[in-house]
């Protein structure tokens, strides 16, 4: 059977996963009576809850006499490591661009990676049925983008197609409507080349491992494209690292090929060019080469961009530690973090001098937040520091900091406050213009550290209507100090359960983060002060009752609902002397030094 390997790449929310749903449905993967779910490729719990793709996943469809292996990739820049690895497994890609939003920062990022790999993309202008769609403008924008990032003449000669992924149709000409995705299938088959590897079928087996996951029955599964030879169950193989050193030897116990949404065992083996998952190896990891015993040279692995954000993950040492989670020891936390770094090459783990803390570096707050959220769901208890940027040293020994390309779409009335706030955070305005329907698009160059904690403030300033997109661009010399959080916090000075009467009296001081009857301890942050300094308060103090002051009707105080923060909001909110305590049931903010006397002493020393 003919074979095509293609990746779907795009900016976040431009419709990749929805389009793959329709490709699966129209290729006959689902039976007529089979129950299907929306965004079938987003199988991870957090993917479904957040409505985003986090992990790249492969599927396979048969169109006429051709098998098409399709890989759905993440759109967020934080998960760019997935995209970088995946593009080495395919021979072509479909670049999806929203017909209304047009070219966005992540569009540029994924296209740059694809062109660098020598791929010839197909442009699919998606969501052409939206009210403010302008496919002609988007087509011209994309041509300009190809030219700006150095596409070759061959790559510039890209085909384009119009589509509505949600409605399930595509057409080469908007004046000739279509009611199926057949034109897109045909374009993929005609434009994407067959894998060159199929000519290497008679050579020894060789495959670069790109994805890794665990199966409760088969153990470690290594996914990649077979570069040469054939993968047969029972064949002895070995794993080589990037330097060619042998990591382990073993046998292929199972070869799983992607057939629709399922992976099916292929007992007769899989041939060069096909994307498969192989079981049988226990130590091999991402970027390792699986090959026949006689081979000694590893395959080239795609270099991964370095992390730009890091934070410290440490053992939870609060007075409430160990009450909600069962994985609290530093040894268990270390093993879990190292396991994550093994499967996700965009994350880097470094052990700190103290045995109870680990430095975790990644692409952004969202990626690190997803990791911590996964850990808390698995029963871990940890303390998280404020994210900080990863600096580099320049040629002249100067400190270099990561700069991000930021594109913001806001209502016209909010442009002033957004530009004012980001200018104060050392951002530079690059471009500004209307983006239709009373909105303005602002393009800025901004230090990564100035965006830490800004998302919540941005949504408040734009009344929830603004959309901020960001992607790492380059390193520049350090731009100087940036003003941090403007308001202080209310810190508990006592251990116990919060009292409604005490919180009611504290409401005039600021915004509460806790409600009545919640566990608190000395050093825990229970609210935001209305002023710039921190304030130690007593949230457990009850009403003193006497013959004169009875517990009558004024005991039933009415409290303002507390501000509940998500994990990412909490991590972005804290300052450098604070931590987020994360347990399976709770997210609490606290000071690093719990005792107020010791805390004041440290401030004097600093």
Protein backbone atom coordinates (compact mmCIF):
# COMPACT_ATOMS: atom_id res chain seq x y z
CA UNK A 1 0.00 0.00 0.00
CA UNK A 2 1.18 3.57 -0.70
CA UNK A 3 2.20 5.54 2.40
CA UNK A 4 2.20 9.23 3.40
CA UNK A 5 3.38 10.72 6.71
CA UNK A 6 2.01 14.19 7.45
CA UNK A 7 1.84 16.50 10.50
CA UNK A 8 -0.90 19.07 11.17
CA UNK A 9 0.77 22.23 12.52
CA UNK A 10 -0.76 25.57 13.52
CA UNK A 11 -1.13 28.30 16.12
CA UNK A 12 -3.23 27.41 19.16
CA UNK A 13 -7.01 27.28 18.53
CA UNK A 14 -6.75 27.38 14.75
CA UNK A 15 -8.60 24.05 14.53
CA UNK A 16 -6.04 21.21 14.20
CA UNK A 17 -7.72 18.62 16.43
CA UNK A 18 -11.21 19.39 15.09
CA UNK A 19 -9.96 18.96 11.52
CA UNK A 20 -8.35 15.60 12.41
CA UNK A 21 -11.72 14.51 13.89
CA UNK A 22 -13.37 15.13 10.51
CA UNK A 23 -10.55 13.43 8.58
CA UNK A 24 -11.04 10.34 10.76
CA UNK A 25 -14.82 10.39 10.32
CA UNK A 26 -14.80 10.89 6.54
CA UNK A 27 -12.13 8.24 5.92
CA UNK A 28 -14.37 5.56 7.44
CA UNK A 29 -12.39 5.04 10.68
CA UNK A 30 -15.62 5.08 12.70
CA UNK A 31 -18.45 2.63 12.05
CA UNK A 32 -21.83 4.17 11.28
CA UNK A 33 -23.19 3.07 14.69
CA UNK A 34 -20.02 3.82 16.69
CA UNK A 35 -20.17 6.44 19.44
CA UNK A 36 -17.55 9.13 18.87
CA UNK A 37 -16.37 12.05 21.00
CA UNK A 38 -15.49 15.57 19.97
CA UNK A 39 -11.71 16.15 19.78
CA UNK A 40 -11.08 12.40 19.81
CA UNK A 41 -7.31 12.94 19.65
CA UNK A 42 -7.27 14.90 22.94
CA UNK A 43 -7.40 11.83 25.17
CA UNK A 44 -5.52 13.27 28.15
CA UNK A 45 -7.70 14.55 31.06
CA UNK A 46 -6.04 17.96 31.13
CA UNK A 47 -6.34 18.29 27.34
CA UNK A 48 -10.10 17.82 27.59
CA UNK A 49 -10.45 20.19 30.55
CA UNK A 50 -8.28 22.96 29.11
CA UNK A 51 -9.43 22.51 25.49
CA UNK A 52 -5.83 22.38 24.20
CA UNK A 53 -3.49 19.74 22.79
CA UNK A 54 -0.53 19.02 25.10
CA UNK A 55 0.92 15.80 23.67
CA UNK A 56 1.54 15.05 20.01
CA UNK A 57 -0.43 11.97 18.91
CA UNK A 58 -0.44 9.84 15.78
CA UNK A 59 -3.38 8.35 13.94
CA UNK A 60 -3.82 6.67 10.58
CA UNK A 61 -6.45 6.75 7.84
CA UNK A 62 -6.80 5.00 4.49
CA UNK A 63 -7.77 7.16 1.52
CA UNK A 64 -8.39 5.22 -1.70
CA UNK A 65 -5.26 3.02 -1.91
CA UNK A 66 -3.00 5.18 0.32
CA UNK A 67 -2.41 4.93 4.08
CA UNK A 68 -1.94 8.40 5.58
CA UNK A 69 -0.26 8.61 9.00
CA UNK A 70 -1.44 11.91 10.54
CA UNK A 71 0.19 13.50 13.59
CA UNK A 72 -1.76 16.10 15.57
CA UNK A 73 0.65 18.54 17.27
CA UNK A 74 0.23 21.04 20.14
CA UNK A 75 -0.35 24.71 19.32
CA UNK A 76 1.03 26.34 22.49
CA UNK A 77 4.65 27.51 22.37
CA UNK A 78 5.19 25.87 25.78
CA UNK A 79 4.87 22.46 24.12
CA UNK A 80 7.08 23.33 21.14
CA UNK A 81 9.46 20.49 22.05
CA UNK A 82 6.78 18.05 20.89
CA UNK A 83 6.52 19.83 17.50
CA UNK A 84 10.29 19.91 16.98
CA UNK A 85 10.63 16.15 17.46
CA UNK A 86 7.55 15.22 15.43
CA UNK A 87 8.60 17.07 12.28
CA UNK A 88 11.54 14.69 11.91
CA UNK A 89 9.06 11.80 11.54
CA UNK A 90 7.05 13.16 8.61
CA UNK A 91 7.59 13.97 4.93
CA UNK A 92 5.12 16.84 4.72
CA UNK A 93 2.86 19.05 6.81
CA UNK A 94 -0.44 20.88 6.61
CA UNK A 95 -0.08 24.43 7.96
CA UNK A 96 -3.47 25.52 9.32
CA UNK A 97 -4.14 29.27 9.52
CA UNK A 98 -7.37 30.82 10.85
CA UNK A 99 -9.13 32.79 8.08
CA UNK A 100 -10.00 35.56 10.57
CA UNK A 101 -7.00 35.73 12.95
CA UNK A 102 -4.41 35.17 10.24
CA UNK A 103 -0.69 34.61 10.91
CA UNK A 104 0.12 34.46 14.65
CA UNK A 105 3.39 34.02 16.63
CA UNK A 106 3.11 30.24 16.87
CA UNK A 107 2.34 30.03 13.13
CA UNK A 108 5.75 31.56 12.55
CA UNK A 109 7.40 29.22 15.09
CA UNK A 110 6.04 25.95 13.67
CA UNK A 111 6.55 27.05 10.05
CA UNK A 112 10.19 27.99 10.76
CA UNK A 113 10.80 24.51 12.18
CA UNK A 114 9.07 22.82 9.21
CA UNK A 115 11.04 24.80 6.60
CA UNK A 116 14.30 24.10 8.44
CA UNK A 117 13.54 20.37 8.16
CA UNK A 118 13.16 20.82 4.39
CA UNK A 119 9.40 20.10 4.36
CA UNK A 120 7.12 21.58 1.69
CA UNK A 121 3.95 22.65 3.57
CA UNK A 122 0.37 22.68 2.30
CA UNK A 123 -1.42 25.87 3.40
CA UNK A 124 -4.94 25.19 4.67
CA UNK A 125 -6.90 28.39 5.37
CA UNK A 126 -9.36 27.13 7.98
CA UNK A 127 -12.62 28.56 9.37
CA UNK A 128 -13.45 30.37 6.10
CA UNK A 129 -17.12 30.29 7.14
CA UNK A 130 -16.52 32.65 10.09
CA UNK A 131 -18.31 36.00 10.01
CA UNK A 132 -15.16 38.15 9.65
CA UNK A 133 -13.06 35.68 7.63
CA UNK A 134 -10.72 37.22 5.05
CA UNK A 135 -8.98 34.30 3.30
CA UNK A 136 -7.33 36.49 0.63
CA UNK A 137 -5.62 38.67 3.25
CA UNK A 138 -4.50 35.58 5.18
CA UNK A 139 -3.10 34.00 2.00
CA UNK A 140 -0.99 37.11 1.31
CA UNK A 141 0.12 37.28 4.97
CA UNK A 142 1.31 33.67 4.77
CA UNK A 143 3.24 34.28 1.53
CA UNK A 144 4.99 37.22 3.28
CA UNK A 145 5.76 34.94 6.26
CA UNK A 146 7.30 32.26 4.02
CA UNK A 147 9.53 34.91 2.40
CA UNK A 148 10.47 36.53 5.74
CA UNK A 149 11.76 33.29 7.29
CA UNK A 150 13.81 32.24 4.29
CA UNK A 151 11.73 29.67 2.39
CA UNK A 152 13.39 28.21 -0.70
CA UNK A 153 11.85 28.72 -4.15
CA UNK A 154 10.52 25.17 -3.99
CA UNK A 155 8.93 25.77 -0.56
CA UNK A 156 7.47 29.10 -1.71
CA UNK A 157 5.59 27.24 -4.43
CA UNK A 158 3.11 25.85 -1.89
CA UNK A 159 -0.46 24.79 -2.71
CA UNK A 160 -3.30 26.30 -0.68
CA UNK A 161 -6.77 25.04 0.11
CA UNK A 162 -9.78 26.54 1.92
CA UNK A 163 -11.60 24.59 4.63
CA UNK A 164 -14.05 24.54 7.50
CA UNK A 165 -12.79 21.87 9.88
CA UNK A 166 -15.90 22.02 12.08
CA UNK A 167 -18.28 21.65 9.13
CA UNK A 168 -16.07 19.04 7.45
CA UNK A 169 -15.45 20.42 3.98
CA UNK A 170 -12.52 21.71 1.91
CA UNK A 171 -12.22 23.24 -1.55
CA UNK A 172 -9.45 24.47 -3.82
CA UNK A 173 -11.70 27.29 -5.04
CA UNK A 174 -14.21 29.16 -2.87
CA UNK A 175 -16.41 29.66 -5.94
CA UNK A 176 -16.74 25.89 -6.26
CA UNK A 177 -18.21 24.71 -2.93
CA UNK A 178 -17.60 21.23 -1.58
CA UNK A 179 -19.33 19.21 1.12
CA UNK A 180 -16.45 16.83 2.03
CA UNK A 181 -12.73 16.88 2.83
CA UNK A 182 -11.93 14.82 -0.30
CA UNK A 183 -10.00 17.72 -1.93
CA UNK A 184 -7.71 17.91 1.15
CA UNK A 185 -7.11 14.13 1.13
CA UNK A 186 -6.28 14.25 -2.58
CA UNK A 187 -3.93 17.22 -2.09
CA UNK A 188 -2.05 15.42 0.71
CA UNK A 189 -1.61 12.31 -1.46
CA UNK A 190 -0.44 14.31 -4.50
CA UNK A 191 1.78 16.89 -2.76
CA UNK A 192 3.38 15.01 0.16
CA UNK A 193 6.15 12.68 -1.09
CA UNK A 194 6.18 8.99 -0.18
CA UNK A 195 8.78 8.17 2.52
CA UNK A 196 12.27 7.80 1.06
CA UNK A 197 12.81 5.07 3.64
CA UNK A 198 10.70 2.63 1.64
CA UNK A 199 13.69 2.26 -0.71
CA UNK A 200 15.73 1.04 2.28
CA UNK A 201 13.54 -1.98 3.02
CA UNK A 202 16.41 -4.46 2.45
CA UNK A 203 18.86 -2.71 4.81
CA UNK A 204 19.27 -3.48 8.56
CA UNK A 205 16.55 -2.16 10.93
CA UNK A 206 16.99 1.42 12.18
CA UNK A 207 14.55 3.81 13.91
CA UNK A 208 14.88 7.09 15.83
CA UNK A 209 12.73 7.15 18.95
CA UNK A 210 10.60 10.33 19.06
CA UNK A 211 7.87 9.68 21.65
CA UNK A 212 7.84 7.56 24.80
CA UNK A 213 4.96 6.31 26.93
CA UNK A 214 4.13 3.49 29.31
CA UNK A 215 1.62 0.70 28.83
CA UNK A 216 0.47 -1.35 31.87
CA UNK A 217 0.75 -4.60 29.87
CA UNK A 218 3.54 -4.00 27.37
CA UNK A 219 5.81 -1.73 29.43
CA UNK A 220 7.72 1.06 27.72
CA UNK A 221 6.50 1.95 24.20
CA UNK A 222 8.89 3.79 21.87
CA UNK A 223 7.36 5.52 18.85
CA UNK A 224 9.16 6.63 15.70
CA UNK A 225 9.44 6.20 11.95
CA UNK A 226 11.35 3.18 10.64
CA UNK A 227 14.28 4.59 8.65
CA UNK A 228 15.41 1.29 7.14
CA UNK A 229 14.73 -2.43 7.32
CA UNK A 230 11.74 -4.10 8.93
CA UNK A 231 10.50 -4.27 12.54
CA UNK A 232 9.61 -7.88 13.30
CA UNK A 233 8.53 -9.23 16.73
CA UNK A 234 11.32 -11.33 18.21
CA UNK A 235 14.12 -9.49 16.36
CA UNK A 236 17.18 -8.72 18.56
CA UNK A 237 17.99 -4.98 18.57
CA UNK A 238 20.03 -2.48 20.57
CA UNK A 239 19.63 1.17 21.59
CA UNK A 240 22.31 3.81 20.87
CA UNK A 241 22.45 7.28 22.43
CA UNK A 242 23.37 10.41 20.43
CA UNK A 243 27.11 9.68 20.76
CA UNK A 244 26.73 6.09 19.56
CA UNK A 245 27.16 4.48 22.99
CA UNK A 246 25.15 1.27 23.52
CA UNK A 247 22.49 1.82 26.20
CA UNK A 248 20.94 -1.66 26.16
CA UNK A 249 20.25 -4.73 24.04
CA UNK A 250 16.93 -6.53 23.84
CA UNK A 251 14.28 -8.00 21.57
CA UNK A 252 11.23 -6.48 19.94
CA UNK A 253 8.34 -8.02 21.86
CA UNK A 254 5.55 -6.19 20.05
CA UNK A 255 5.19 -3.94 17.00
CA UNK A 256 2.12 -1.69 17.11
CA UNK A 257 0.99 0.24 14.04
CA UNK A 258 -1.49 3.12 14.09
CA UNK A 259 -4.81 2.15 12.56
CA UNK A 260 -7.40 4.84 13.13
CA UNK A 261 -7.47 5.80 16.81
CA UNK A 262 -6.19 2.40 17.89
CA UNK A 263 -2.74 0.82 17.89
CA UNK A 264 -2.89 -2.68 16.51
CA UNK A 265 -0.22 -5.39 16.74
CA UNK A 266 1.45 -6.12 13.39
CA UNK A 267 2.70 -9.71 13.62
CA UNK A 268 4.15 -9.74 10.10
CA UNK A 269 6.19 -6.64 11.01
CA UNK A 270 6.25 -3.06 9.77
CA UNK A 271 8.34 -1.77 6.87
CA UNK A 272 10.58 1.24 6.37
CA UNK A 273 8.70 4.53 6.24
CA UNK A 274 5.86 3.49 8.57
CA UNK A 275 5.33 5.10 11.99
CA UNK A 276 5.12 2.44 14.71
CA UNK A 277 5.40 1.89 18.46
CA UNK A 278 7.83 -0.80 19.62
CA UNK A 279 7.79 -2.63 22.97
CA UNK A 280 10.66 -4.59 24.48
CA UNK A 281 13.23 -2.01 25.61
CA UNK A 282 13.45 -0.83 29.23
CA UNK A 283 16.11 1.95 29.18
CA UNK A 284 16.00 3.57 25.72
CA UNK A 285 14.48 7.03 25.70
CA UNK A 286 13.66 9.98 23.42
CA UNK A 287 16.32 10.78 20.74
CA UNK A 288 17.92 7.31 21.07
CA UNK A 289 18.36 5.12 17.98
CA UNK A 290 16.90 1.60 17.93
CA UNK A 291 18.77 -0.54 15.42
CA UNK A 292 20.02 -3.98 14.36
CA UNK A 293 22.94 -5.36 16.37
CA UNK A 294 25.48 -4.91 13.55
CA UNK A 295 24.93 -1.12 13.25
CA UNK A 296 27.13 1.31 15.21
CA UNK A 297 26.15 4.80 13.97
CA UNK A 298 23.15 6.59 15.57
CA UNK A 299 20.63 8.61 13.55
CA UNK A 300 20.80 12.40 13.79
CA UNK A 301 18.35 13.74 16.40
CA UNK A 302 16.68 17.12 15.93
CA UNK A 303 18.21 19.69 18.37
CA UNK A 304 15.70 21.05 20.88
CA UNK A 305 15.51 24.74 21.82
CA UNK A 306 16.73 25.34 25.41
CA UNK A 307 14.31 26.08 28.31
CA UNK A 308 13.58 29.74 29.10
CA UNK A 309 11.72 29.50 32.45
CA UNK A 310 12.65 27.61 35.63
CA UNK A 311 11.22 27.13 39.11
CA UNK A 312 12.17 25.22 42.24
CA UNK A 313 10.10 22.17 43.20
CA UNK A 314 10.72 21.15 46.81
CA UNK A 315 9.33 18.90 49.51
CA UNK A 316 6.23 20.30 51.21
CA UNK A 317 7.35 21.30 54.74
CA UNK A 318 4.26 23.22 55.88
CA UNK A 319 2.47 22.34 59.16
CA UNK A 320 -0.30 20.70 57.06
CA UNK A 321 2.11 18.51 55.05
CA UNK A 322 1.24 14.84 54.52
CA UNK A 323 -2.47 15.16 55.30
CA UNK A 324 -3.80 14.97 51.72
CA UNK A 325 -1.09 13.31 49.60
CA UNK A 326 0.74 9.99 49.91
CA UNK A 327 3.84 10.91 47.84
CA UNK A 328 5.75 13.40 49.93
CA UNK A 329 9.35 12.14 50.12
CA UNK A 330 12.11 13.87 48.12
CA UNK A 331 13.20 10.50 46.64
CA UNK A 332 9.74 9.90 45.16
CA UNK A 333 9.49 13.49 43.85
CA UNK A 334 12.98 13.16 42.28
CA UNK A 335 12.07 9.91 40.49
CA UNK A 336 8.86 11.44 39.11
CA UNK A 337 10.63 14.55 37.80
CA UNK A 338 13.41 12.53 36.16
CA UNK A 339 10.79 10.32 34.53
CA UNK A 340 9.12 13.44 33.10
CA UNK A 341 12.43 14.80 31.77
CA UNK A 342 13.09 11.45 30.10
CA UNK A 343 9.87 11.59 28.06
CA UNK A 344 9.75 15.37 27.56
CA UNK A 345 13.05 16.64 26.17
CA UNK A 346 11.94 20.30 26.53
CA UNK A 347 12.10 19.94 30.35
CA UNK A 348 15.41 19.95 32.23
CA UNK A 349 15.81 18.80 35.86
CA UNK A 350 18.76 19.90 38.04
CA UNK A 351 19.30 18.83 41.64
CA UNK A 352 20.03 21.70 44.04
CA UNK A 353 22.68 21.46 46.82
CA UNK A 354 19.92 20.68 49.32
CA UNK A 355 18.53 17.16 48.85
CA UNK A 356 14.92 18.34 49.20
CA UNK A 357 14.64 20.70 46.19
CA UNK A 358 14.97 20.41 42.40
CA UNK A 359 15.30 23.07 39.71
CA UNK A 360 12.78 22.38 36.90
CA UNK A 361 13.32 24.34 33.67
CA UNK A 362 10.86 24.41 30.75
CA UNK A 363 9.37 26.54 27.98
CA UNK A 364 6.78 28.47 29.97
CA UNK A 365 4.42 28.73 32.93
CA UNK A 366 1.74 26.62 31.21
CA UNK A 367 4.08 23.69 30.55
CA UNK A 368 5.36 23.71 34.14
CA UNK A 369 1.81 24.14 35.45
CA UNK A 370 0.64 21.07 33.49
CA UNK A 371 3.49 19.00 35.00
CA UNK A 372 2.66 20.07 38.58
CA UNK A 373 -1.08 19.51 37.98
CA UNK A 374 -0.34 15.97 36.76
CA UNK A 375 1.77 15.35 39.88
CA UNK A 376 -0.91 16.56 42.30
CA UNK A 377 -3.48 14.30 40.59
CA UNK A 378 -1.08 11.41 41.14
CA UNK A 379 -1.00 12.09 44.91
CA UNK A 380 2.13 14.27 45.24
CA UNK A 381 2.60 17.10 47.72
CA UNK A 382 5.17 19.75 46.72
CA UNK A 383 6.12 23.38 47.25
CA UNK A 384 6.67 25.57 44.17
CA UNK A 385 8.74 28.75 43.94
CA UNK A 386 8.05 31.75 41.70
CA UNK A 387 9.10 31.09 38.08
CA UNK A 388 12.27 32.85 36.97
CA UNK A 389 13.88 33.20 33.56
CA UNK A 390 16.93 31.20 32.48
CA UNK A 391 19.71 33.68 31.65
CA UNK A 392 22.61 33.06 29.27
CA UNK A 393 26.07 34.61 29.11
CA UNK A 394 26.85 36.66 26.01
CA UNK A 395 30.11 36.80 24.05
CA UNK A 396 31.33 39.76 26.12
CA UNK A 397 30.38 38.14 29.40
CA UNK A 398 27.15 40.16 29.68
CA UNK A 399 23.94 38.70 31.02
CA UNK A 400 21.46 37.81 28.25
CA UNK A 401 17.74 37.33 28.88
CA UNK A 402 15.06 35.62 26.74
CA UNK A 403 12.86 37.92 24.65
CA UNK A 404 9.40 36.89 23.44
CA UNK A 405 7.36 37.98 20.46
CA UNK A 406 3.93 39.00 21.79
CA UNK A 407 0.79 39.57 19.73
CA UNK A 408 -2.28 40.94 21.52
CA UNK A 409 -5.83 41.34 20.20
CA UNK A 410 -7.91 43.73 22.34
CA UNK A 411 -10.95 45.96 22.06
CA UNK A 412 -9.95 49.45 20.88
CA UNK A 413 -10.86 51.01 24.24
CA UNK A 414 -8.28 48.87 26.12
CA UNK A 415 -5.22 49.46 23.91
CA UNK A 416 -3.96 52.39 26.02
CA UNK A 417 -3.81 50.54 29.34
CA UNK A 418 -2.23 47.43 27.75
CA UNK A 419 0.55 49.41 26.04
CA UNK A 420 1.13 51.47 29.21
CA UNK A 421 1.45 48.39 31.44
CA UNK A 422 3.75 46.48 29.06
CA UNK A 423 5.93 49.53 28.37
CA UNK A 424 6.53 49.77 32.12
CA UNK A 425 7.63 46.13 31.92
CA UNK A 426 10.36 46.97 29.33
CA UNK A 427 8.30 45.87 26.28
CA UNK A 428 8.93 47.53 22.91
CA UNK A 429 6.03 48.28 20.55
CA UNK A 430 6.71 46.83 17.08
CA UNK A 431 3.43 47.22 15.24
CA UNK A 432 -0.18 48.22 15.85
CA UNK A 433 -3.23 48.21 13.60
CA UNK A 434 -6.92 47.34 13.36
CA UNK A 435 -7.88 43.65 13.32
CA UNK A 436 -11.58 44.10 12.52
CA UNK A 437 -14.82 44.39 14.53
CA UNK A 438 -13.60 47.19 16.83
CA UNK A 439 -10.42 45.37 17.80
CA UNK A 440 -6.75 46.34 17.62
CA UNK A 441 -3.77 44.02 17.13
CA UNK A 442 -0.61 45.03 19.02
CA UNK A 443 2.77 43.39 18.30
CA UNK A 444 5.52 43.80 20.91
CA UNK A 445 8.96 42.50 21.80
CA UNK A 446 8.95 41.73 25.50
CA UNK A 447 11.34 40.17 28.09
CA UNK A 448 10.04 36.76 29.26
CA UNK A 449 10.31 37.75 32.94
CA UNK A 450 7.99 40.72 32.45
CA UNK A 451 5.19 38.36 31.33
CA UNK A 452 5.41 36.21 34.47
CA UNK A 453 2.26 36.99 36.42
CA UNK A 454 0.90 39.41 33.80
CA UNK A 455 -1.87 37.20 32.36
CA UNK A 456 -4.31 37.81 35.26
CA UNK A 457 -3.68 41.56 35.23
CA UNK A 458 -4.14 41.58 31.44
CA UNK A 459 -7.54 39.85 31.65
CA UNK A 460 -8.64 42.33 34.34
CA UNK A 461 -7.50 45.33 32.28
CA UNK A 462 -9.29 44.07 29.14
CA UNK A 463 -12.37 42.81 31.04
CA UNK A 464 -11.68 39.26 29.87
CA UNK A 465 -11.95 40.14 26.18
CA UNK A 466 -8.23 40.34 25.34
CA UNK A 467 -6.21 37.51 23.77
CA UNK A 468 -2.44 37.39 24.38
CA UNK A 469 -0.18 35.11 22.29
CA UNK A 470 3.53 34.75 22.90
CA UNK A 471 6.46 32.77 21.52
CA UNK A 472 10.19 32.76 22.33
CA UNK A 473 12.15 34.88 19.85
CA UNK A 474 15.80 35.42 20.88
CA UNK A 475 18.17 36.56 23.65
CA UNK A 476 19.08 40.21 24.33
CA UNK A 477 21.22 41.95 26.98
CA UNK A 478 19.53 42.29 30.40
CA UNK A 479 17.08 45.22 30.31
CA UNK A 480 17.18 46.19 34.00
CA UNK A 481 14.87 45.77 36.99
CA UNK A 482 11.12 45.40 36.45
CA UNK A 483 8.60 46.44 39.09
CA UNK A 484 6.95 43.41 40.73
CA UNK A 485 3.57 42.98 42.39
CA UNK A 486 2.18 46.35 43.51
CA UNK A 487 0.22 45.09 46.52
CA UNK A 488 1.34 43.23 49.63
CA UNK A 489 -0.30 40.20 51.21
CA UNK A 490 -2.16 39.34 54.40
CA UNK A 491 -0.23 36.66 56.31
CA UNK A 492 -1.71 34.50 59.07
CA UNK A 493 0.08 34.73 62.43
CA UNK A 494 -1.73 31.75 63.99
CA UNK A 495 -2.49 28.05 63.45
CA UNK A 496 -6.09 26.84 63.40
CA UNK A 497 -9.40 27.13 61.53
CA UNK A 498 -10.39 30.51 60.11
CA UNK A 499 -13.29 32.25 61.88
CA UNK A 500 -16.01 34.07 59.93
CA UNK A 501 -15.98 36.95 62.44
CA UNK A 502 -12.20 37.46 62.02
CA UNK A 503 -12.37 37.35 58.21
CA UNK A 504 -15.29 39.80 58.25
CA UNK A 505 -13.16 42.29 60.18
CA UNK A 506 -10.21 41.72 57.82
CA UNK A 507 -12.20 42.39 54.63
CA UNK A 508 -11.56 46.14 54.93
CA UNK A 509 -7.83 45.34 54.74
CA UNK A 510 -8.03 43.67 51.32
CA UNK A 511 -9.23 40.66 49.30
CA UNK A 512 -9.47 37.26 51.02
CA UNK A 513 -8.08 34.03 49.51
CA UNK A 514 -9.73 31.76 52.12
CA UNK A 515 -13.26 31.26 53.43
CA UNK A 516 -14.54 30.52 56.93
CA UNK A 517 -13.67 27.17 58.57
CA UNK A 518 -10.54 26.53 56.48
CA UNK A 519 -7.25 25.25 57.90
CA UNK A 520 -4.55 27.91 58.23
CA UNK A 521 -1.12 28.16 59.79
CA UNK A 522 1.47 30.76 60.75
CA UNK A 523 3.07 32.16 57.60
CA UNK A 524 0.22 31.14 55.25
CA UNK A 525 -1.00 33.88 52.88
CA UNK A 526 -4.74 34.32 53.38
CA UNK A 527 -5.39 37.45 51.30
CA UNK A 528 -4.10 40.45 49.35
CA UNK A 529 -3.41 43.65 51.25
CA UNK A 530 -4.91 46.85 49.85
CA UNK A 531 -1.51 48.51 50.46
CA UNK A 532 1.97 47.72 49.17
CA UNK A 533 3.37 46.16 52.36
CA UNK A 534 2.76 42.71 53.90
CA UNK A 535 0.62 42.55 57.03
CA UNK A 536 0.49 39.83 59.71
CA UNK A 537 -3.13 39.23 60.80
CA UNK A 538 -5.10 36.83 62.97
CA UNK A 539 -7.78 35.01 60.91
CA UNK A 540 -8.86 32.62 63.69
CA UNK A 541 -9.85 35.18 66.33
CA UNK A 542 -13.46 34.62 67.35
CA UNK A 543 -15.92 37.10 68.88
CA UNK A 544 -15.40 37.57 72.63
CA UNK A 545 -18.71 36.71 74.26
CA UNK A 546 -19.91 38.34 77.57
CA UNK A 547 -23.28 38.96 79.18
CA UNK A 548 -23.45 42.19 77.21
CA UNK A 549 -21.98 40.80 73.92
CA UNK A 550 -24.09 37.73 73.23
CA UNK A 551 -23.74 35.53 70.15
CA UNK A 552 -26.92 36.99 68.76
CA UNK A 553 -27.88 38.02 65.26
CA UNK A 554 -24.66 39.94 64.51
CA UNK A 555 -22.77 36.61 64.72
CA UNK A 556 -24.22 35.63 61.31
CA UNK A 557 -21.77 37.79 59.36
CA UNK A 558 -22.00 37.87 55.59
CA UNK A 559 -18.60 37.30 53.93
CA UNK A 560 -17.53 38.28 50.44
CA UNK A 561 -16.67 35.08 48.50
CA UNK A 562 -12.87 34.53 48.53
CA UNK A 563 -10.73 34.81 45.41
CA UNK A 564 -9.93 31.23 44.34
CA UNK A 565 -6.79 30.87 42.23
CA UNK A 566 -5.94 28.15 39.75
CA UNK A 567 -2.50 26.54 39.97
CA UNK A 568 -1.06 28.72 37.16
CA UNK A 569 -2.55 31.88 38.70
CA UNK A 570 -1.07 31.04 42.10
CA UNK A 571 2.39 30.32 40.65
CA UNK A 572 2.31 33.60 38.70
CA UNK A 573 1.04 35.61 41.71
CA UNK A 574 3.72 34.83 44.30
CA UNK A 575 6.91 36.85 44.86
CA UNK A 576 10.44 35.49 45.31
CA UNK A 577 10.06 35.09 49.11
CA UNK A 578 6.83 33.06 48.76
CA UNK A 579 5.83 29.53 47.78
CA UNK A 580 2.76 27.70 46.47
CA UNK A 581 1.90 24.61 48.52
CA UNK A 582 0.33 22.06 46.15
CA UNK A 583 -1.52 18.97 47.43
CA UNK A 584 -4.10 16.67 45.78
CA UNK A 585 -6.94 18.67 47.36
CA UNK A 586 -5.56 22.17 48.04
CA UNK A 587 -3.54 25.02 46.59
CA UNK A 588 -2.23 27.32 49.33
CA UNK A 589 0.05 30.36 49.21
CA UNK A 590 2.65 30.79 51.96
CA UNK A 591 5.83 32.61 52.91
CA UNK A 592 9.11 30.69 52.57
CA UNK A 593 9.95 31.62 56.18
CA UNK A 594 6.85 30.94 58.26
CA UNK A 595 7.86 32.57 61.56
CA UNK A 596 7.25 36.37 61.37
CA UNK A 597 10.24 37.17 63.63
CA UNK A 598 12.63 35.13 61.49
CA UNK A 599 11.10 36.69 58.38
CA UNK A 600 11.76 40.25 59.60
CA UNK A 601 15.29 39.25 60.59
CA UNK A 602 15.98 37.94 57.06
CA UNK A 603 14.64 41.17 55.50
CA UNK A 604 17.06 43.21 57.69
CA UNK A 605 19.96 40.96 56.67
CA UNK A 606 19.11 41.39 52.98
